């Protein structure tokens, strides 16, 4: 899988970017199994092929999701290679 980029946009919300619709859905499934709600991935403007898709991820509880917790969730899956965006 290509690199997944995560960017914290609020204390309880992350923006997740993945290359390709299939990869985005795979990452959503991993997050969903950890009780993290996600929005529908939307293609982002650009010239990459396959297209980059972005979606929001928020925990079902009102407690903030730390970087370490998100890395632990996604890092359990060998197919997911993480990177971080500023923010």
N, C-alpha and C. Protein backbone atom coordinates (compact mmCIF):
# COMPACT_ATOMS: atom_id res chain seq x y z
N UNK A 1 0.85 -1.18 0.00
CA UNK A 1 0.00 0.00 0.00
C UNK A 1 0.88 1.23 0.00
N UNK A 2 0.45 2.26 -0.68
CA UNK A 2 1.16 3.52 -0.66
C UNK A 2 0.99 4.18 0.70
N UNK A 3 1.80 5.16 0.93
CA UNK A 3 1.80 5.86 2.21
C UNK A 3 0.46 6.51 2.51
N UNK A 4 0.06 6.44 3.77
CA UNK A 4 -1.13 7.09 4.28
C UNK A 4 -0.66 8.31 5.07
N UNK A 5 -1.21 9.46 4.77
CA UNK A 5 -0.82 10.69 5.45
C UNK A 5 -1.94 11.09 6.40
N UNK A 6 -1.57 11.39 7.64
CA UNK A 6 -2.55 11.84 8.62
C UNK A 6 -2.19 13.24 9.10
N UNK A 7 -3.21 14.03 9.33
CA UNK A 7 -3.02 15.40 9.78
C UNK A 7 -4.09 15.72 10.82
N UNK A 8 -3.65 16.13 12.01
CA UNK A 8 -4.60 16.48 13.07
C UNK A 8 -5.17 17.86 12.76
N UNK A 9 -6.51 17.95 12.69
CA UNK A 9 -7.11 19.25 12.37
C UNK A 9 -7.87 19.84 13.55
N UNK A 10 -8.25 19.00 14.51
CA UNK A 10 -8.87 19.43 15.77
C UNK A 10 -8.50 18.40 16.82
N UNK A 11 -8.66 18.72 18.09
CA UNK A 11 -8.30 17.73 19.12
C UNK A 11 -9.00 16.38 18.96
N UNK A 12 -10.19 16.37 18.41
CA UNK A 12 -10.91 15.11 18.25
C UNK A 12 -11.14 14.75 16.78
N UNK A 13 -10.32 15.26 15.89
CA UNK A 13 -10.54 14.99 14.46
C UNK A 13 -9.22 14.96 13.70
N UNK A 14 -9.10 13.99 12.83
CA UNK A 14 -7.93 13.83 11.97
C UNK A 14 -8.38 13.81 10.51
N UNK A 15 -7.54 14.30 9.62
CA UNK A 15 -7.78 14.16 8.19
C UNK A 15 -6.81 13.11 7.70
N UNK A 16 -7.34 12.15 6.96
CA UNK A 16 -6.56 11.01 6.48
C UNK A 16 -6.54 11.05 4.96
N UNK A 17 -5.35 10.90 4.38
CA UNK A 17 -5.17 10.89 2.93
C UNK A 17 -4.61 9.53 2.52
N UNK A 18 -5.16 8.94 1.47
CA UNK A 18 -4.66 7.67 0.95
C UNK A 18 -4.72 7.73 -0.57
N UNK A 19 -3.77 7.07 -1.22
CA UNK A 19 -3.75 7.07 -2.66
C UNK A 19 -4.60 5.94 -3.20
N UNK A 20 -5.68 6.32 -3.86
CA UNK A 20 -6.59 5.35 -4.45
C UNK A 20 -7.79 5.07 -3.56
N UNK A 21 -8.92 4.85 -4.19
CA UNK A 21 -10.17 4.60 -3.47
C UNK A 21 -10.10 3.31 -2.66
N UNK A 22 -9.50 2.27 -3.21
CA UNK A 22 -9.41 0.99 -2.51
C UNK A 22 -8.57 1.12 -1.24
N UNK A 23 -7.47 1.83 -1.33
CA UNK A 23 -6.62 2.03 -0.16
C UNK A 23 -7.34 2.85 0.91
N UNK A 24 -8.07 3.88 0.49
CA UNK A 24 -8.82 4.70 1.43
C UNK A 24 -9.86 3.86 2.16
N UNK A 25 -10.56 3.00 1.44
CA UNK A 25 -11.57 2.14 2.06
C UNK A 25 -10.92 1.14 3.01
N UNK A 26 -9.75 0.65 2.67
CA UNK A 26 -9.04 -0.27 3.55
C UNK A 26 -8.69 0.41 4.87
N UNK A 27 -8.15 1.62 4.80
CA UNK A 27 -7.79 2.36 6.01
C UNK A 27 -9.05 2.67 6.82
N UNK A 28 -10.14 3.03 6.15
CA UNK A 28 -11.41 3.27 6.86
C UNK A 28 -11.86 2.02 7.62
N UNK A 29 -11.70 0.85 7.03
CA UNK A 29 -12.10 -0.39 7.68
C UNK A 29 -11.25 -0.64 8.93
N UNK A 30 -9.97 -0.37 8.85
CA UNK A 30 -9.08 -0.53 10.02
C UNK A 30 -9.52 0.41 11.13
N UNK A 31 -9.79 1.66 10.78
CA UNK A 31 -10.23 2.63 11.78
C UNK A 31 -11.61 2.27 12.34
N UNK A 32 -12.51 1.81 11.50
CA UNK A 32 -13.84 1.42 11.95
C UNK A 32 -13.79 0.27 12.95
N UNK A 33 -12.86 -0.66 12.75
CA UNK A 33 -12.72 -1.77 13.69
C UNK A 33 -12.25 -1.29 15.06
N UNK A 34 -11.66 -0.09 15.11
CA UNK A 34 -11.19 0.50 16.37
C UNK A 34 -12.19 1.52 16.91
N UNK A 35 -13.43 1.47 16.46
CA UNK A 35 -14.50 2.37 16.92
C UNK A 35 -14.20 3.83 16.62
N UNK A 36 -13.61 4.06 15.45
CA UNK A 36 -13.37 5.43 14.99
C UNK A 36 -14.27 5.68 13.79
N UNK A 37 -15.08 6.72 13.89
CA UNK A 37 -15.99 7.06 12.80
C UNK A 37 -15.23 7.78 11.69
N UNK A 38 -15.63 7.53 10.47
CA UNK A 38 -15.00 8.18 9.32
C UNK A 38 -16.06 8.70 8.37
N UNK A 39 -15.69 9.71 7.62
CA UNK A 39 -16.56 10.20 6.55
C UNK A 39 -16.24 9.44 5.27
N UNK A 40 -17.04 9.63 4.28
CA UNK A 40 -16.82 9.00 2.98
C UNK A 40 -15.58 9.62 2.32
N UNK A 41 -14.66 8.80 1.80
CA UNK A 41 -13.50 9.36 1.13
C UNK A 41 -13.90 10.12 -0.14
N UNK A 42 -13.29 11.27 -0.30
CA UNK A 42 -13.54 12.11 -1.48
C UNK A 42 -12.25 12.31 -2.24
N UNK A 43 -12.29 12.22 -3.58
CA UNK A 43 -11.07 12.45 -4.35
C UNK A 43 -10.62 13.91 -4.21
N UNK A 44 -9.32 14.09 -4.12
CA UNK A 44 -8.74 15.42 -3.99
C UNK A 44 -8.23 15.88 -5.35
N UNK A 45 -8.32 17.17 -5.63
CA UNK A 45 -7.83 17.65 -6.92
C UNK A 45 -6.33 17.43 -7.03
N UNK A 46 -5.88 17.11 -8.21
CA UNK A 46 -4.46 16.92 -8.43
C UNK A 46 -4.22 16.01 -9.61
N UNK A 47 -2.96 15.80 -9.90
CA UNK A 47 -2.59 15.03 -11.08
C UNK A 47 -2.07 13.63 -10.75
N UNK A 48 -2.17 13.20 -9.51
CA UNK A 48 -1.64 11.88 -9.14
C UNK A 48 -2.53 10.78 -9.70
N UNK A 49 -1.91 9.66 -9.99
CA UNK A 49 -2.65 8.51 -10.47
C UNK A 49 -2.15 7.28 -9.72
N UNK A 50 -2.96 6.57 -8.96
CA UNK A 50 -4.37 6.85 -8.73
C UNK A 50 -4.56 8.11 -7.89
N UNK A 51 -5.76 8.62 -7.93
CA UNK A 51 -6.09 9.85 -7.22
C UNK A 51 -5.91 9.69 -5.71
N UNK A 52 -5.65 10.80 -5.05
CA UNK A 52 -5.58 10.82 -3.60
C UNK A 52 -6.99 11.06 -3.06
N UNK A 53 -7.37 10.27 -2.07
CA UNK A 53 -8.67 10.40 -1.42
C UNK A 53 -8.45 10.85 0.02
N UNK A 54 -9.34 11.71 0.51
CA UNK A 54 -9.24 12.20 1.88
C UNK A 54 -10.55 11.99 2.59
N UNK A 55 -10.45 11.74 3.90
CA UNK A 55 -11.64 11.61 4.74
C UNK A 55 -11.29 12.02 6.16
N UNK A 56 -12.33 12.29 6.96
CA UNK A 56 -12.14 12.66 8.35
C UNK A 56 -12.31 11.43 9.23
N UNK A 57 -11.55 11.40 10.33
CA UNK A 57 -11.64 10.32 11.31
C UNK A 57 -11.80 10.93 12.69
N UNK A 58 -12.83 10.51 13.41
CA UNK A 58 -13.07 11.00 14.76
C UNK A 58 -13.44 9.83 15.66
N UNK A 59 -12.94 9.82 16.90
CA UNK A 59 -13.32 8.74 17.81
C UNK A 59 -14.79 8.87 18.20
N UNK A 60 -15.44 7.77 18.49
CA UNK A 60 -16.84 7.81 18.89
C UNK A 60 -17.02 8.44 20.25
N UNK A 61 -16.00 8.36 21.10
CA UNK A 61 -16.05 9.02 22.41
C UNK A 61 -15.61 10.48 22.21
N UNK A 62 -15.95 11.32 23.16
CA UNK A 62 -15.59 12.74 23.07
C UNK A 62 -14.15 13.02 23.50
N UNK A 63 -13.41 11.99 23.87
CA UNK A 63 -12.03 12.21 24.29
C UNK A 63 -11.13 12.36 23.07
N UNK A 64 -10.12 13.20 23.16
CA UNK A 64 -9.23 13.39 22.02
C UNK A 64 -8.50 12.10 21.66
N UNK A 65 -8.22 11.95 20.40
CA UNK A 65 -7.43 10.83 19.89
C UNK A 65 -6.01 11.34 19.70
N UNK A 66 -5.08 10.83 20.48
CA UNK A 66 -3.71 11.32 20.40
C UNK A 66 -3.00 10.75 19.17
N UNK A 67 -1.92 11.40 18.81
CA UNK A 67 -1.10 10.90 17.70
C UNK A 67 -0.64 9.48 17.98
N UNK A 68 -0.21 9.24 19.21
CA UNK A 68 0.29 7.92 19.58
C UNK A 68 -0.79 6.85 19.45
N UNK A 69 -2.01 7.19 19.85
CA UNK A 69 -3.12 6.23 19.74
C UNK A 69 -3.45 5.93 18.28
N UNK A 70 -3.48 6.96 17.44
CA UNK A 70 -3.77 6.74 16.02
C UNK A 70 -2.67 5.93 15.36
N UNK A 71 -1.42 6.22 15.68
CA UNK A 71 -0.30 5.46 15.14
C UNK A 71 -0.38 4.00 15.59
N UNK A 72 -0.75 3.77 16.86
CA UNK A 72 -0.87 2.40 17.36
C UNK A 72 -1.96 1.64 16.60
N UNK A 73 -3.07 2.30 16.32
CA UNK A 73 -4.17 1.65 15.60
C UNK A 73 -3.76 1.31 14.18
N UNK A 74 -3.23 2.28 13.46
CA UNK A 74 -2.86 2.05 12.07
C UNK A 74 -1.57 1.26 11.93
N UNK A 75 -0.68 1.39 12.90
CA UNK A 75 0.60 0.71 12.84
C UNK A 75 0.51 -0.79 13.06
N UNK A 76 -0.62 -1.27 13.55
CA UNK A 76 -0.82 -2.71 13.74
C UNK A 76 -0.95 -3.43 12.41
N UNK A 77 -1.24 -2.70 11.37
CA UNK A 77 -1.45 -3.30 10.06
C UNK A 77 -0.20 -3.10 9.20
N UNK A 78 0.42 -4.18 8.79
CA UNK A 78 1.66 -4.11 8.03
C UNK A 78 1.48 -3.47 6.65
N UNK A 79 0.26 -3.44 6.14
CA UNK A 79 0.03 -2.84 4.81
C UNK A 79 0.05 -1.32 4.84
N UNK A 80 -0.09 -0.73 6.01
CA UNK A 80 -0.23 0.72 6.10
C UNK A 80 1.11 1.35 6.49
N UNK A 81 1.59 2.22 5.63
CA UNK A 81 2.81 2.99 5.90
C UNK A 81 2.39 4.43 6.18
N UNK A 82 2.69 4.90 7.39
CA UNK A 82 2.22 6.21 7.83
C UNK A 82 3.21 7.32 7.56
N UNK A 83 2.64 8.51 7.33
CA UNK A 83 3.41 9.75 7.29
C UNK A 83 2.54 10.80 7.95
N UNK A 84 3.13 11.89 8.35
CA UNK A 84 2.39 12.94 9.04
C UNK A 84 2.52 14.24 8.29
N UNK A 85 1.40 14.94 8.19
CA UNK A 85 1.39 16.27 7.60
C UNK A 85 1.44 17.29 8.73
N UNK A 86 1.95 18.46 8.44
CA UNK A 86 1.96 19.51 9.45
C UNK A 86 0.55 19.88 9.82
N UNK A 87 0.34 20.19 11.07
CA UNK A 87 -0.99 20.58 11.49
C UNK A 87 -1.45 19.87 12.70
